[in-house]
Amino acid sequence: MHNFFFKATKWKKKRKNFICSYFILHMFMLYLYKNVPLHFSVA
């Protein structure tokens, strides 16, 4: 039981890190998108 709980917490931490890195990547893309000259943008 304790081992299972430990594995679950480990997985949760991994998931949290994944969400954090995804969020950072998303913000980075937005930053690039806003700072790239207009003729380079897709919109």
C-alpha atoms as a PDB file:
ATOM      1  CA  MET A   1       0.000   0.000   0.000  1.00  0.00           C
ATOM      2  CA  HIS A   2       2.737   2.438   0.966  1.00  0.00           C
ATOM      3  CA  ASN A   3       4.683   1.552  -2.173  1.00  0.00           C
ATOM      4  CA  PHE A   4       1.647   2.255  -4.325  1.00  0.00           C
ATOM      5  CA  PHE A   5       1.148   5.642  -2.669  1.00  0.00           C
ATOM      6  CA  PHE A   6       4.814   6.460  -3.233  1.00  0.00           C
ATOM      7  CA  LYS A   7       4.536   5.589  -6.928  1.00  0.00           C
ATOM      8  CA  ALA A   8       1.390   7.688  -7.248  1.00  0.00           C
ATOM      9  CA  THR A   9       3.081  10.747  -5.726  1.00  0.00           C
ATOM     10  CA  LYS A  10       6.068  10.257  -7.986  1.00  0.00           C
ATOM     11  CA  TRP A  11       3.764  10.150 -10.991  1.00  0.00           C
ATOM     12  CA  LYS A  12       1.922  13.251  -9.812  1.00  0.00           C
ATOM     13  CA  LYS A  13       5.210  15.123  -9.559  1.00  0.00           C
ATOM     14  CA  LYS A  14       6.134  14.030 -13.061  1.00  0.00           C
ATOM     15  CA  ARG A  15       2.752  15.171 -14.334  1.00  0.00           C
ATOM     16  CA  LYS A  16       3.134  18.531 -12.615  1.00  0.00           C
ATOM     17  CA  ASN A  17       6.538  19.012 -14.207  1.00  0.00           C
ATOM     18  CA  PHE A  18       5.068  18.132 -17.586  1.00  0.00           C
ATOM     19  CA  ILE A  19       2.303  20.714 -17.192  1.00  0.00           C
ATOM     20  CA  CYS A  20       4.855  23.326 -16.077  1.00  0.00           C
ATOM     21  CA  SER A  21       7.125  22.743 -19.059  1.00  0.00           C
ATOM     22  CA  TYR A  22       4.114  22.758 -21.414  1.00  0.00           C
ATOM     23  CA  PHE A  23       2.959  26.083 -19.942  1.00  0.00           C
ATOM     24  CA  ILE A  24       6.450  27.587 -20.288  1.00  0.00           C
ATOM     25  CA  LEU A  25       6.648  26.396 -23.892  1.00  0.00           C
ATOM     26  CA  HIS A  26       3.227  27.888 -24.603  1.00  0.00           C
ATOM     27  CA  MET A  27       4.241  31.254 -23.138  1.00  0.00           C
ATOM     28  CA  PHE A  28       7.478  31.163 -25.119  1.00  0.00           C
ATOM     29  CA  MET A  29       5.550  30.576 -28.349  1.00  0.00           C
ATOM     30  CA  LEU A  30       3.202  33.448 -27.535  1.00  0.00           C
ATOM     31  CA  TYR A  31       6.191  35.671 -26.789  1.00  0.00           C
ATOM     32  CA  LEU A  32       7.805  34.788 -30.113  1.00  0.00           C
ATOM     33  CA  TYR A  33       4.515  35.249 -31.934  1.00  0.00           C
ATOM     34  CA  LYS A  34       4.053  38.748 -30.519  1.00  0.00           C
ATOM     35  CA  ASN A  35       7.642  39.845 -31.094  1.00  0.00           C
ATOM     36  CA  VAL A  36       8.198  38.491 -34.581  1.00  0.00           C
ATOM     37  CA  PRO A  37       7.600  41.085 -37.328  1.00  0.00           C
ATOM     38  CA  LEU A  38       4.102  41.005 -38.799  1.00  0.00           C
ATOM     39  CA  HIS A  39       5.061  39.731 -42.241  1.00  0.00           C
ATOM     40  CA  PHE A  40       6.447  36.589 -40.565  1.00  0.00           C
ATOM     41  CA  SER A  41       3.280  35.901 -38.597  1.00  0.00           C
ATOM     42  CA  VAL A  42       0.654  33.474 -39.861  1.00  0.00           C
ATOM     43  CA  ALA A  43      -2.403  35.451 -38.790  1.00  0.00           C
END
